Amino acid sequence: EQADATGLVAHHALRLAWLGEAQLRAGRRDAALELARRALALAEERRERGQIAYAACLLGDILARGGASAGADAGSAYRQALAQAEVLGMAPLAARARCALDALSPSGAPPGTG
């Protein structure tokens, strides 16, 4: 919000994603989910493809912790992150998304639970 007020908008979606990740690590899933969704929407609005990849991956991480009912949505977010990351040559993020998708398979556990 402070960044918006001061006109500092470059990479704002990425900063929201970082804040969302911090919220997730602090156990505040609802706050993290809201921030991830805001980050993804902002990145899409501004056509910031790298930030789209990061925000989508974070969204997948959050949704994957939501139980079996959220698994399909998590998979969709991870696939979006993977597609963007591969196009942009973001190999570490692509690998992270691939591993998360593998963990969502019936034989794997959701990311961060093992």
C-alpha atoms as a PDB file:
ATOM      1  CA  GLU A   1       0.000   0.000   0.000  1.00  0.00           C
ATOM      2  CA  GLN A   2       2.843   2.352   0.791  1.00  0.00           C
ATOM      3  CA  ALA A   3       4.403   1.546  -2.590  1.00  0.00           C
ATOM      4  CA  ASP A   4       1.139   2.482  -4.320  1.00  0.00           C
ATOM      5  CA  ALA A   5       0.897   5.724  -2.357  1.00  0.00           C
ATOM      6  CA  THR A   6       4.416   6.793  -3.271  1.00  0.00           C
ATOM      7  CA  GLY A   7       4.074   5.775  -6.911  1.00  0.00           C
ATOM      8  CA  LEU A   8       6.664   3.006  -6.575  1.00  0.00           C
ATOM      9  CA  VAL A   9       4.998   0.405  -8.776  1.00  0.00           C
ATOM     10  CA  ALA A  10       7.876  -1.399 -10.472  1.00  0.00           C
ATOM     11  CA  HIS A  11       8.026  -4.988  -9.221  1.00  0.00           C
ATOM     12  CA  HIS A  12       5.150  -4.352  -6.821  1.00  0.00           C
ATOM     13  CA  ALA A  13       3.608  -7.733  -7.687  1.00  0.00           C
ATOM     14  CA  LEU A  14       6.866  -9.434  -6.747  1.00  0.00           C
ATOM     15  CA  ARG A  15       6.965  -7.594  -3.423  1.00  0.00           C
ATOM     16  CA  LEU A  16       3.398  -8.725  -2.726  1.00  0.00           C
ATOM     17  CA  ALA A  17       4.442 -12.304  -3.513  1.00  0.00           C
ATOM     18  CA  TRP A  18       7.390 -12.044  -1.111  1.00  0.00           C
ATOM     19  CA  LEU A  19       5.100 -10.714   1.588  1.00  0.00           C
ATOM     20  CA  GLY A  20       2.682 -13.549   0.856  1.00  0.00           C
ATOM     21  CA  GLU A  21       5.462 -16.088   1.239  1.00  0.00           C
ATOM     22  CA  ALA A  22       6.416 -14.562   4.584  1.00  0.00           C
ATOM     23  CA  GLN A  23       2.791 -14.750   5.720  1.00  0.00           C
ATOM     24  CA  LEU A  24       2.623 -18.391   4.662  1.00  0.00           C
ATOM     25  CA  ARG A  25       5.789 -19.232   6.585  1.00  0.00           C
ATOM     26  CA  ALA A  26       4.326 -17.474   9.620  1.00  0.00           C
ATOM     27  CA  GLY A  27       1.279 -19.723   9.434  1.00  0.00           C
ATOM     28  CA  ARG A  28      -1.104 -17.044   8.182  1.00  0.00           C
ATOM     29  CA  ARG A  29      -2.543 -18.953   5.234  1.00  0.00           C
ATOM     30  CA  ASP A  30      -5.543 -16.654   4.629  1.00  0.00           C
ATOM     31  CA  ALA A  31      -3.367 -13.527   4.509  1.00  0.00           C
ATOM     32  CA  ALA A  32      -0.883 -15.319   2.261  1.00  0.00           C
ATOM     33  CA  LEU A  33      -3.657 -16.414  -0.087  1.00  0.00           C
ATOM     34  CA  GLU A  34      -5.006 -12.872  -0.407  1.00  0.00           C
ATOM     35  CA  LEU A  35      -1.526 -11.490  -1.110  1.00  0.00           C
ATOM     36  CA  ALA A  36      -0.762 -14.189  -3.676  1.00  0.00           C
ATOM     37  CA  ARG A  37      -4.008 -13.506  -5.513  1.00  0.00           C
ATOM     38  CA  ARG A  38      -3.334  -9.756  -5.475  1.00  0.00           C
ATOM     39  CA  ALA A  39       0.203 -10.323  -6.725  1.00  0.00           C
ATOM     40  CA  LEU A  40      -0.977 -12.556  -9.557  1.00  0.00           C
ATOM     41  CA  ALA A  41      -3.739 -10.162 -10.604  1.00  0.00           C
ATOM     42  CA  LEU A  42      -1.376  -7.190 -10.556  1.00  0.00           C
ATOM     43  CA  ALA A  43       1.328  -9.026 -12.489  1.00  0.00           C
ATOM     44  CA  GLU A  44      -1.218 -10.120 -15.098  1.00  0.00           C
ATOM     45  CA  GLU A  45      -2.628  -6.595 -15.349  1.00  0.00           C
ATOM     46  CA  ARG A  46       0.865  -5.184 -15.916  1.00  0.00           C
ATOM     47  CA  ARG A  47       1.971  -8.107 -18.098  1.00  0.00           C
ATOM     48  CA  GLU A  48       4.973  -8.811 -15.849  1.00  0.00           C
ATOM     49  CA  ARG A  49       5.569 -12.385 -16.932  1.00  0.00           C
ATOM     50  CA  GLY A  50       8.304 -13.221 -14.443  1.00  0.00           C
ATOM     51  CA  GLN A  51       6.210 -11.944 -11.570  1.00  0.00           C
ATOM     52  CA  ILE A  52       3.254 -13.952 -12.891  1.00  0.00           C
ATOM     53  CA  ALA A  53       5.407 -17.066 -12.607  1.00  0.00           C
ATOM     54  CA  TYR A  54       6.480 -16.303  -9.032  1.00  0.00           C
ATOM     55  CA  ALA A  55       2.976 -15.360  -7.890  1.00  0.00           C
ATOM     56  CA  ALA A  56       1.405 -18.420  -9.514  1.00  0.00           C
ATOM     57  CA  CYS A  57       3.937 -20.705  -7.855  1.00  0.00           C
ATOM     58  CA  LEU A  58       3.240 -19.128  -4.469  1.00  0.00           C
ATOM     59  CA  LEU A  59      -0.479 -19.507  -5.064  1.00  0.00           C
ATOM     60  CA  GLY A  60       0.114 -23.179  -5.799  1.00  0.00           C
ATOM     61  CA  ASP A  61       2.104 -23.552  -2.573  1.00  0.00           C
ATOM     62  CA  ILE A  62      -0.727 -22.020  -0.569  1.00  0.00           C
ATOM     63  CA  LEU A  63      -3.499 -23.977  -2.261  1.00  0.00           C
ATOM     64  CA  ALA A  64      -1.563 -27.234  -1.920  1.00  0.00           C
ATOM     65  CA  ARG A  65      -1.742 -26.794   1.844  1.00  0.00           C
ATOM     66  CA  GLY A  66      -5.514 -26.463   1.643  1.00  0.00           C
ATOM     67  CA  GLY A  67      -6.229 -30.184   1.479  1.00  0.00           C
ATOM     68  CA  ALA A  68      -7.353 -32.569  -1.215  1.00  0.00           C
ATOM     69  CA  SER A  69     -10.171 -30.317  -2.434  1.00  0.00           C
ATOM     70  CA  ALA A  70      -7.673 -27.594  -3.385  1.00  0.00           C
ATOM     71  CA  GLY A  71      -5.279 -29.948  -5.186  1.00  0.00           C
ATOM     72  CA  ALA A  72      -6.690 -29.265  -8.656  1.00  0.00           C
ATOM     73  CA  ASP A  73      -6.447 -25.515  -8.146  1.00  0.00           C
ATOM     74  CA  ALA A  74      -2.890 -25.883  -6.834  1.00  0.00           C
ATOM     75  CA  GLY A  75      -1.995 -27.958  -9.887  1.00  0.00           C
ATOM     76  CA  SER A  76      -3.414 -25.321 -12.186  1.00  0.00           C
ATOM     77  CA  ALA A  77      -1.380 -22.594 -10.464  1.00  0.00           C
ATOM     78  CA  TYR A  78       1.801 -24.678 -10.643  1.00  0.00           C
ATOM     79  CA  ARG A  79       1.220 -25.395 -14.348  1.00  0.00           C
ATOM     80  CA  GLN A  80       0.806 -21.660 -14.997  1.00  0.00           C
ATOM     81  CA  ALA A  81       4.034 -20.965 -13.102  1.00  0.00           C
ATOM     82  CA  LEU A  82       5.859 -23.735 -14.949  1.00  0.00           C
ATOM     83  CA  ALA A  83       4.720 -22.532 -18.374  1.00  0.00           C
ATOM     84  CA  GLN A  84       5.838 -18.956 -17.698  1.00  0.00           C
ATOM     85  CA  ALA A  85       9.097 -20.022 -16.077  1.00  0.00           C
ATOM     86  CA  GLU A  86      10.031 -22.272 -19.005  1.00  0.00           C
ATOM     87  CA  VAL A  87       9.292 -19.579 -21.587  1.00  0.00           C
ATOM     88  CA  LEU A  88      11.397 -17.068 -19.665  1.00  0.00           C
ATOM     89  CA  GLY A  89      14.278 -19.427 -18.904  1.00  0.00           C
ATOM     90  CA  MET A  90      13.658 -19.316 -15.148  1.00  0.00           C
ATOM     91  CA  ALA A  91      15.088 -22.795 -14.544  1.00  0.00           C
ATOM     92  CA  PRO A  92      15.061 -22.804 -10.719  1.00  0.00           C
ATOM     93  CA  LEU A  93      11.429 -21.699 -10.579  1.00  0.00           C
ATOM     94  CA  ALA A  94      10.484 -24.190 -13.287  1.00  0.00           C
ATOM     95  CA  ALA A  95      12.145 -26.963 -11.279  1.00  0.00           C
ATOM     96  CA  ARG A  96      10.309 -25.864  -8.146  1.00  0.00           C
ATOM     97  CA  ALA A  97       6.964 -25.955  -9.967  1.00  0.00           C
ATOM     98  CA  ARG A  98       7.751 -29.371 -11.475  1.00  0.00           C
ATOM     99  CA  CYS A  99       8.642 -30.796  -8.061  1.00  0.00           C
ATOM    100  CA  ALA A 100       5.468 -29.358  -6.569  1.00  0.00           C
ATOM    101  CA  LEU A 101       3.365 -30.888  -9.345  1.00  0.00           C
ATOM    102  CA  ASP A 102       5.025 -34.244  -8.709  1.00  0.00           C
ATOM    103  CA  ALA A 103       4.245 -33.922  -5.000  1.00  0.00           C
ATOM    104  CA  LEU A 104       0.577 -33.343  -5.835  1.00  0.00           C
ATOM    105  CA  SER A 105       0.369 -36.689  -7.601  1.00  0.00           C
ATOM    106  CA  PRO A 106      -1.491 -39.412  -5.693  1.00  0.00           C
ATOM    107  CA  SER A 107       1.773 -40.982  -4.512  1.00  0.00           C
ATOM    108  CA  GLY A 108       3.217 -37.674  -3.274  1.00  0.00           C
ATOM    109  CA  ALA A 109       2.443 -35.411  -0.372  1.00  0.00           C
ATOM    110  CA  PRO A 110       1.528 -31.725  -0.698  1.00  0.00           C
ATOM    111  CA  PRO A 111       4.570 -29.432  -0.677  1.00  0.00           C
ATOM    112  CA  GLY A 112       5.761 -28.383   2.733  1.00  0.00           C
ATOM    113  CA  THR A 113       4.084 -31.204   4.610  1.00  0.00           C
ATOM    114  CA  GLY A 114       6.886 -33.743   4.530  1.00  0.00           C
END
